[in-house]
N, C-alpha and C. Protein backbone atom coordinates (compact mmCIF):
# COMPACT_ATOMS: atom_id res chain seq x y z
N GLN A 1 -1.65 3.10 -28.77
CA GLN A 1 -1.17 2.96 -27.59
C GLN A 1 -0.50 1.47 -27.35
N VAL A 2 0.49 1.28 -27.00
CA VAL A 2 1.43 0.11 -26.92
C VAL A 2 0.79 -0.64 -25.71
N GLN A 3 0.88 -1.78 -25.88
CA GLN A 3 0.53 -2.93 -25.08
C GLN A 3 1.07 -3.99 -25.26
N LEU A 4 1.80 -4.47 -23.93
CA LEU A 4 2.27 -5.95 -23.85
C LEU A 4 1.55 -6.81 -22.73
N ILE A 5 1.20 -8.25 -23.49
CA ILE A 5 0.44 -8.75 -22.70
C ILE A 5 0.82 -10.07 -22.66
N GLU A 6 1.27 -10.62 -21.21
CA GLU A 6 2.15 -11.76 -21.11
C GLU A 6 1.13 -12.84 -20.52
N SER A 7 1.69 -13.88 -21.08
CA SER A 7 0.84 -15.34 -20.38
C SER A 7 1.77 -16.29 -20.49
N GLY A 8 0.87 -17.49 -19.68
CA GLY A 8 1.95 -18.82 -19.61
C GLY A 8 2.57 -18.97 -18.39
N GLY A 9 2.52 -18.22 -17.54
CA GLY A 9 2.96 -18.31 -16.07
C GLY A 9 1.95 -19.36 -15.55
N GLY A 10 2.70 -19.81 -14.35
CA GLY A 10 1.76 -20.88 -13.69
C GLY A 10 2.70 -21.70 -12.41
N LEU A 11 2.08 -22.32 -11.49
CA LEU A 11 3.06 -23.20 -10.58
C LEU A 11 3.68 -23.96 -11.38
N VAL A 12 4.89 -24.37 -11.21
CA VAL A 12 5.55 -25.53 -11.68
C VAL A 12 6.64 -26.18 -10.86
N HIS A 13 6.72 -27.34 -10.65
CA HIS A 13 8.01 -28.04 -9.92
C HIS A 13 9.42 -28.01 -10.46
N PRO A 14 10.12 -27.94 -9.67
CA PRO A 14 11.31 -28.09 -9.87
C PRO A 14 11.99 -28.92 -10.78
N GLY A 15 12.43 -28.59 -11.88
CA GLY A 15 13.02 -29.14 -13.03
C GLY A 15 12.08 -29.41 -14.18
N GLY A 16 10.75 -28.67 -14.05
CA GLY A 16 9.73 -28.35 -15.18
C GLY A 16 10.16 -27.48 -16.14
N SER A 17 9.13 -27.30 -16.97
CA SER A 17 9.13 -26.13 -17.88
C SER A 17 7.72 -25.41 -18.25
N LEU A 18 7.91 -24.47 -18.57
CA LEU A 18 7.15 -23.58 -19.36
C LEU A 18 7.46 -22.64 -20.30
N ASN A 19 6.50 -22.11 -20.88
CA ASN A 19 6.82 -21.19 -21.98
C ASN A 19 5.95 -20.07 -21.85
N LEU A 20 6.46 -18.78 -21.84
CA LEU A 20 5.76 -17.42 -21.61
C LEU A 20 5.46 -16.77 -22.97
N SER A 21 4.90 -16.17 -23.39
CA SER A 21 4.26 -15.29 -24.32
C SER A 21 4.21 -14.08 -24.23
N CYS A 22 4.52 -13.10 -25.19
CA CYS A 22 4.39 -11.50 -24.90
C CYS A 22 3.84 -10.98 -26.15
N VAL A 23 2.49 -10.78 -26.15
CA VAL A 23 1.95 -10.18 -27.34
C VAL A 23 1.83 -8.76 -27.32
N ALA A 24 2.18 -8.27 -28.39
CA ALA A 24 2.57 -6.69 -28.54
C ALA A 24 1.04 -6.08 -29.17
N SER A 25 0.65 -5.09 -28.65
CA SER A 25 -0.30 -4.29 -29.74
C SER A 25 -0.17 -2.94 -29.53
N GLY A 26 -0.51 -2.35 -30.77
CA GLY A 26 -0.11 -0.82 -31.12
C GLY A 26 1.19 -0.64 -31.51
N THR A 27 1.98 -1.71 -31.95
CA THR A 27 3.34 -1.36 -32.34
C THR A 27 3.72 -2.53 -32.69
N LEU A 28 5.10 -2.57 -33.82
CA LEU A 28 5.54 -3.83 -34.21
C LEU A 28 6.82 -4.17 -33.50
N ILE A 29 7.12 -5.48 -32.93
CA ILE A 29 8.07 -5.86 -32.40
C ILE A 29 9.34 -5.53 -32.80
N HIS A 30 9.53 -5.59 -34.36
CA HIS A 30 11.17 -5.75 -34.73
C HIS A 30 11.49 -4.46 -34.83
N ILE A 31 10.80 -3.31 -34.31
CA ILE A 31 11.43 -1.84 -33.87
C ILE A 31 11.85 -1.77 -32.65
N TRP A 32 11.64 -2.55 -31.60
CA TRP A 32 12.04 -2.41 -30.35
C TRP A 32 13.02 -3.53 -30.08
N ASP A 33 13.97 -3.32 -29.09
CA ASP A 33 14.68 -4.22 -28.12
C ASP A 33 13.65 -4.71 -27.39
N MET A 34 13.48 -6.15 -27.32
CA MET A 34 12.69 -6.70 -26.40
C MET A 34 13.35 -7.63 -25.15
N GLY A 35 12.72 -7.61 -24.31
CA GLY A 35 13.36 -8.20 -23.12
C GLY A 35 12.52 -8.91 -22.29
N TRP A 36 12.86 -9.64 -21.75
CA TRP A 36 12.34 -10.44 -20.57
C TRP A 36 12.98 -10.02 -19.06
N PHE A 37 12.14 -9.56 -18.24
CA PHE A 37 12.88 -9.39 -16.86
C PHE A 37 12.13 -10.17 -15.82
N ARG A 38 12.49 -10.10 -14.36
CA ARG A 38 11.68 -10.89 -13.48
C ARG A 38 12.19 -10.05 -12.19
N GLN A 39 11.35 -10.32 -11.41
CA GLN A 39 11.47 -9.81 -9.92
C GLN A 39 10.95 -10.82 -9.00
N ALA A 40 11.88 -11.19 -8.46
CA ALA A 40 11.74 -12.49 -7.10
C ALA A 40 11.34 -11.45 -5.66
N PRO A 41 10.54 -11.86 -5.07
CA PRO A 41 10.08 -11.31 -3.71
C PRO A 41 11.37 -10.92 -3.03
N GLY A 42 11.19 -9.62 -2.68
CA GLY A 42 12.15 -8.82 -2.08
C GLY A 42 13.30 -8.65 -2.50
N LYS A 43 13.53 -8.81 -3.93
CA LYS A 43 14.59 -8.41 -4.84
C LYS A 43 14.26 -7.83 -5.80
N GLN A 44 15.57 -6.84 -6.21
CA GLN A 44 15.41 -5.81 -7.62
C GLN A 44 14.95 -6.85 -8.74
N ARG A 45 14.24 -5.89 -9.28
CA ARG A 45 13.66 -6.35 -11.02
C ARG A 45 15.36 -6.90 -11.87
N GLU A 46 15.33 -7.89 -12.54
CA GLU A 46 16.46 -7.95 -13.20
C GLU A 46 16.49 -8.52 -14.80
N LEU A 47 17.24 -8.29 -15.59
CA LEU A 47 17.16 -8.87 -17.19
C LEU A 47 17.30 -10.21 -16.98
N VAL A 48 16.64 -10.91 -17.75
CA VAL A 48 16.85 -12.23 -18.03
C VAL A 48 17.28 -12.83 -19.10
N ALA A 49 16.46 -12.10 -20.13
CA ALA A 49 17.02 -12.45 -21.85
C ALA A 49 16.51 -11.37 -22.42
N ARG A 50 17.08 -10.84 -23.69
CA ARG A 50 17.03 -9.73 -24.73
C ARG A 50 17.16 -9.94 -25.92
N ILE A 51 16.39 -9.31 -26.64
CA ILE A 51 16.35 -9.54 -28.15
C ILE A 51 16.94 -8.21 -28.66
N VAL A 52 18.11 -8.02 -29.38
CA VAL A 52 18.10 -6.57 -29.69
C VAL A 52 17.22 -6.40 -31.17
N ARG A 53 16.92 -5.09 -31.39
CA ARG A 53 16.11 -5.08 -32.74
C ARG A 53 16.27 -5.66 -33.98
N LYS A 54 17.68 -5.18 -34.05
CA LYS A 54 18.13 -5.77 -35.48
C LYS A 54 18.39 -6.69 -35.90
N THR A 55 18.44 -7.66 -34.96
CA THR A 55 19.14 -9.25 -34.81
C THR A 55 18.03 -10.18 -34.24
N ASP A 56 18.25 -11.42 -34.31
CA ASP A 56 17.30 -11.98 -33.87
C ASP A 56 18.34 -12.81 -32.58
N ASP A 57 19.45 -12.30 -32.30
CA ASP A 57 20.21 -13.09 -31.23
C ASP A 57 19.80 -12.66 -29.82
N ALA A 58 19.79 -13.45 -29.04
CA ALA A 58 19.14 -13.12 -27.59
C ALA A 58 20.52 -13.42 -26.74
N ASN A 59 20.33 -12.53 -25.42
CA ASN A 59 21.40 -12.54 -24.79
C ASN A 59 20.89 -13.02 -23.50
N TYR A 60 21.44 -13.44 -22.46
CA TYR A 60 20.91 -14.43 -21.59
C TYR A 60 21.81 -13.89 -20.15
N SER A 61 21.09 -13.83 -18.86
CA SER A 61 21.85 -13.66 -17.81
C SER A 61 22.22 -14.79 -17.50
N ASP A 62 23.40 -14.83 -16.50
CA ASP A 62 24.10 -15.84 -16.38
C ASP A 62 23.49 -17.21 -15.63
N SER A 63 22.37 -16.42 -14.80
CA SER A 63 21.54 -17.35 -13.85
C SER A 63 20.79 -18.39 -14.96
N VAL A 64 20.35 -17.99 -16.05
CA VAL A 64 19.44 -18.55 -16.77
C VAL A 64 20.18 -19.24 -18.15
N ARG A 65 21.43 -18.81 -18.53
CA ARG A 65 22.12 -19.33 -19.57
C ARG A 65 21.96 -20.82 -19.68
N GLY A 66 21.49 -21.61 -20.95
CA GLY A 66 21.65 -22.80 -21.20
C GLY A 66 20.21 -23.62 -20.57
N ARG A 67 19.31 -22.82 -19.91
CA ARG A 67 18.04 -23.21 -19.66
C ARG A 67 16.92 -22.44 -20.15
N PHE A 68 17.05 -21.09 -20.71
CA PHE A 68 16.09 -20.48 -21.27
C PHE A 68 16.58 -20.17 -22.44
N THR A 69 15.24 -20.00 -23.41
CA THR A 69 15.62 -19.40 -24.75
C THR A 69 14.58 -18.69 -24.85
N MET A 70 14.97 -17.23 -25.53
CA MET A 70 14.11 -16.17 -26.20
C MET A 70 14.24 -16.11 -27.38
N THR A 71 12.96 -16.31 -28.01
CA THR A 71 12.59 -16.10 -29.61
C THR A 71 11.52 -15.13 -29.75
N ARG A 72 11.46 -14.81 -31.16
CA ARG A 72 10.40 -13.99 -31.47
C ARG A 72 9.84 -14.21 -32.99
N ASP A 73 8.46 -13.88 -32.77
CA ASP A 73 8.14 -14.29 -34.16
C ASP A 73 7.18 -13.00 -34.93
N VAL A 74 7.96 -12.19 -35.72
CA VAL A 74 7.49 -11.20 -35.73
C VAL A 74 6.03 -11.04 -36.60
N ALA A 75 5.61 -12.18 -37.24
CA ALA A 75 4.68 -12.05 -38.06
C ALA A 75 3.18 -12.30 -36.97
N LYS A 76 3.49 -12.81 -35.63
CA LYS A 76 2.57 -12.72 -34.68
C LYS A 76 2.77 -11.63 -33.87
N ASN A 77 3.87 -11.10 -34.05
CA ASN A 77 4.07 -9.83 -32.91
C ASN A 77 4.31 -10.10 -31.58
N THR A 78 5.02 -11.38 -31.43
CA THR A 78 5.31 -12.24 -30.25
C THR A 78 6.22 -12.27 -29.90
N VAL A 79 6.62 -12.36 -28.63
CA VAL A 79 8.20 -12.67 -28.11
C VAL A 79 7.92 -13.94 -27.09
N TYR A 80 8.60 -14.89 -26.89
CA TYR A 80 8.42 -16.17 -26.17
C TYR A 80 9.82 -16.46 -25.17
N LEU A 81 9.38 -16.52 -24.01
CA LEU A 81 10.53 -17.35 -23.11
C LEU A 81 10.38 -18.73 -22.81
N GLN A 82 11.02 -19.70 -23.47
CA GLN A 82 10.90 -21.00 -23.01
C GLN A 82 11.91 -21.13 -21.89
N MET A 83 11.23 -21.92 -20.83
CA MET A 83 12.14 -21.72 -19.55
C MET A 83 12.23 -23.25 -19.39
N ASN A 84 13.13 -24.14 -19.34
CA ASN A 84 13.57 -25.54 -18.76
C ASN A 84 14.13 -25.53 -17.68
N ASN A 85 14.15 -26.81 -17.05
CA ASN A 85 15.00 -27.13 -15.86
C ASN A 85 14.92 -26.00 -14.97
N LEU A 86 13.57 -25.57 -14.84
CA LEU A 86 13.45 -24.42 -13.59
C LEU A 86 13.87 -24.77 -12.16
N GLU A 87 14.32 -23.75 -11.56
CA GLU A 87 14.71 -24.06 -10.23
C GLU A 87 14.04 -23.26 -9.32
N LEU A 88 13.77 -23.46 -7.93
CA LEU A 88 13.36 -22.81 -6.84
C LEU A 88 13.59 -21.24 -6.95
N GLU A 89 14.87 -21.11 -7.71
CA GLU A 89 15.51 -19.73 -7.33
C GLU A 89 14.90 -19.05 -8.62
N ASP A 90 14.21 -19.50 -9.53
CA ASP A 90 13.33 -18.76 -10.84
C ASP A 90 12.11 -18.42 -10.25
N THR A 91 11.78 -18.43 -9.33
CA THR A 91 10.58 -18.07 -8.74
C THR A 91 10.49 -16.67 -8.86
N ALA A 92 9.33 -15.78 -9.56
CA ALA A 92 9.62 -14.52 -9.91
C ALA A 92 8.58 -14.08 -10.52
N ILE A 93 7.87 -12.90 -10.48
CA ILE A 93 7.36 -12.31 -11.36
C ILE A 93 8.01 -12.03 -12.68
N TYR A 94 7.38 -12.31 -13.93
CA TYR A 94 8.01 -12.21 -15.17
C TYR A 94 7.45 -11.00 -15.90
N TYR A 95 8.31 -10.09 -16.66
CA TYR A 95 7.82 -9.07 -17.01
C TYR A 95 8.56 -8.85 -18.59
N CYS A 96 7.55 -8.81 -19.54
CA CYS A 96 8.18 -8.20 -20.70
C CYS A 96 8.19 -6.68 -21.05
N HIS A 97 9.20 -6.73 -21.50
CA HIS A 97 9.70 -4.87 -21.98
C HIS A 97 10.17 -4.79 -23.23
N ALA A 98 9.55 -3.23 -23.75
CA ALA A 98 10.19 -3.10 -24.90
C ALA A 98 11.00 -1.68 -24.99
N THR A 99 12.06 -1.59 -25.31
CA THR A 99 12.75 -0.30 -25.14
C THR A 99 13.19 0.10 -26.63
N PHE A 100 12.93 1.53 -27.08
CA PHE A 100 13.68 2.17 -28.36
C PHE A 100 14.15 3.38 -27.73
N PHE A 101 15.57 3.87 -27.57
CA PHE A 101 15.93 4.94 -27.33
C PHE A 101 15.57 5.14 -25.57
N SER A 102 14.90 6.17 -25.65
CA SER A 102 14.38 6.64 -24.18
C SER A 102 13.08 6.53 -23.92
N THR A 103 12.36 5.52 -24.62
CA THR A 103 10.79 5.01 -24.69
C THR A 103 10.73 3.72 -24.38
N ASP A 104 10.38 3.31 -23.25
CA ASP A 104 10.13 1.80 -22.98
C ASP A 104 8.77 1.55 -22.52
N HIS A 105 8.42 0.59 -22.55
CA HIS A 105 7.02 -0.06 -22.25
C HIS A 105 7.17 -1.62 -21.22
N TRP A 106 5.84 -1.63 -20.65
CA TRP A 106 6.10 -2.81 -19.60
C TRP A 106 4.73 -3.82 -19.87
N GLY A 107 5.00 -4.90 -19.79
CA GLY A 107 3.82 -5.66 -19.28
C GLY A 107 3.11 -5.59 -17.98
N GLN A 108 2.15 -6.20 -17.50
CA GLN A 108 1.65 -6.57 -16.51
C GLN A 108 2.28 -7.50 -15.52
N GLY A 109 2.95 -8.63 -16.17
CA GLY A 109 3.63 -9.44 -15.32
C GLY A 109 2.86 -10.59 -15.28
N THR A 110 3.68 -11.70 -15.29
CA THR A 110 3.01 -13.10 -15.04
C THR A 110 3.75 -13.82 -13.88
N GLN A 111 3.05 -14.56 -13.26
CA GLN A 111 3.85 -15.05 -12.04
C GLN A 111 4.42 -16.37 -12.17
N VAL A 112 5.39 -16.95 -12.12
CA VAL A 112 5.97 -18.20 -12.14
C VAL A 112 6.41 -18.39 -10.65
N PRO A 113 5.47 -19.22 -9.98
CA PRO A 113 6.02 -20.19 -8.95
C PRO A 113 6.79 -21.62 -9.05
N VAL A 114 7.99 -21.63 -8.26
CA VAL A 114 8.43 -22.91 -8.71
C VAL A 114 8.62 -23.78 -7.47
N SER A 115 7.83 -24.39 -7.15
CA SER A 115 7.72 -25.14 -5.80
C SER A 115 7.73 -26.58 -5.72
N SER A 116 8.26 -27.42 -4.78
CA SER A 116 7.77 -28.47 -4.82
C SER A 116 6.76 -29.24 -3.73
């Protein structure tokens, strides 16, 4: 059974930083396209960053490029999302996602409220 467990969320002030983690169990992350999504209150879920399984290259949405960095540690079966210079608009629930062709899995989400 594949499980994705996120951690690292929490209240942060504008300009602050957080590092989210997603540990996978029941599978190996290098066989999946791994991504971070977020869903803000009243908005649709959106892709924030993604690493394609055959590469270590990350792609980012325009809204976070230059501030967020996604990485993966295959030995720890974990992906990370380093978020710097957080803005009020980054407030959302952040979800870890794994996909391979028509199969995908989601984590339970971790909340990131950005507030002054």
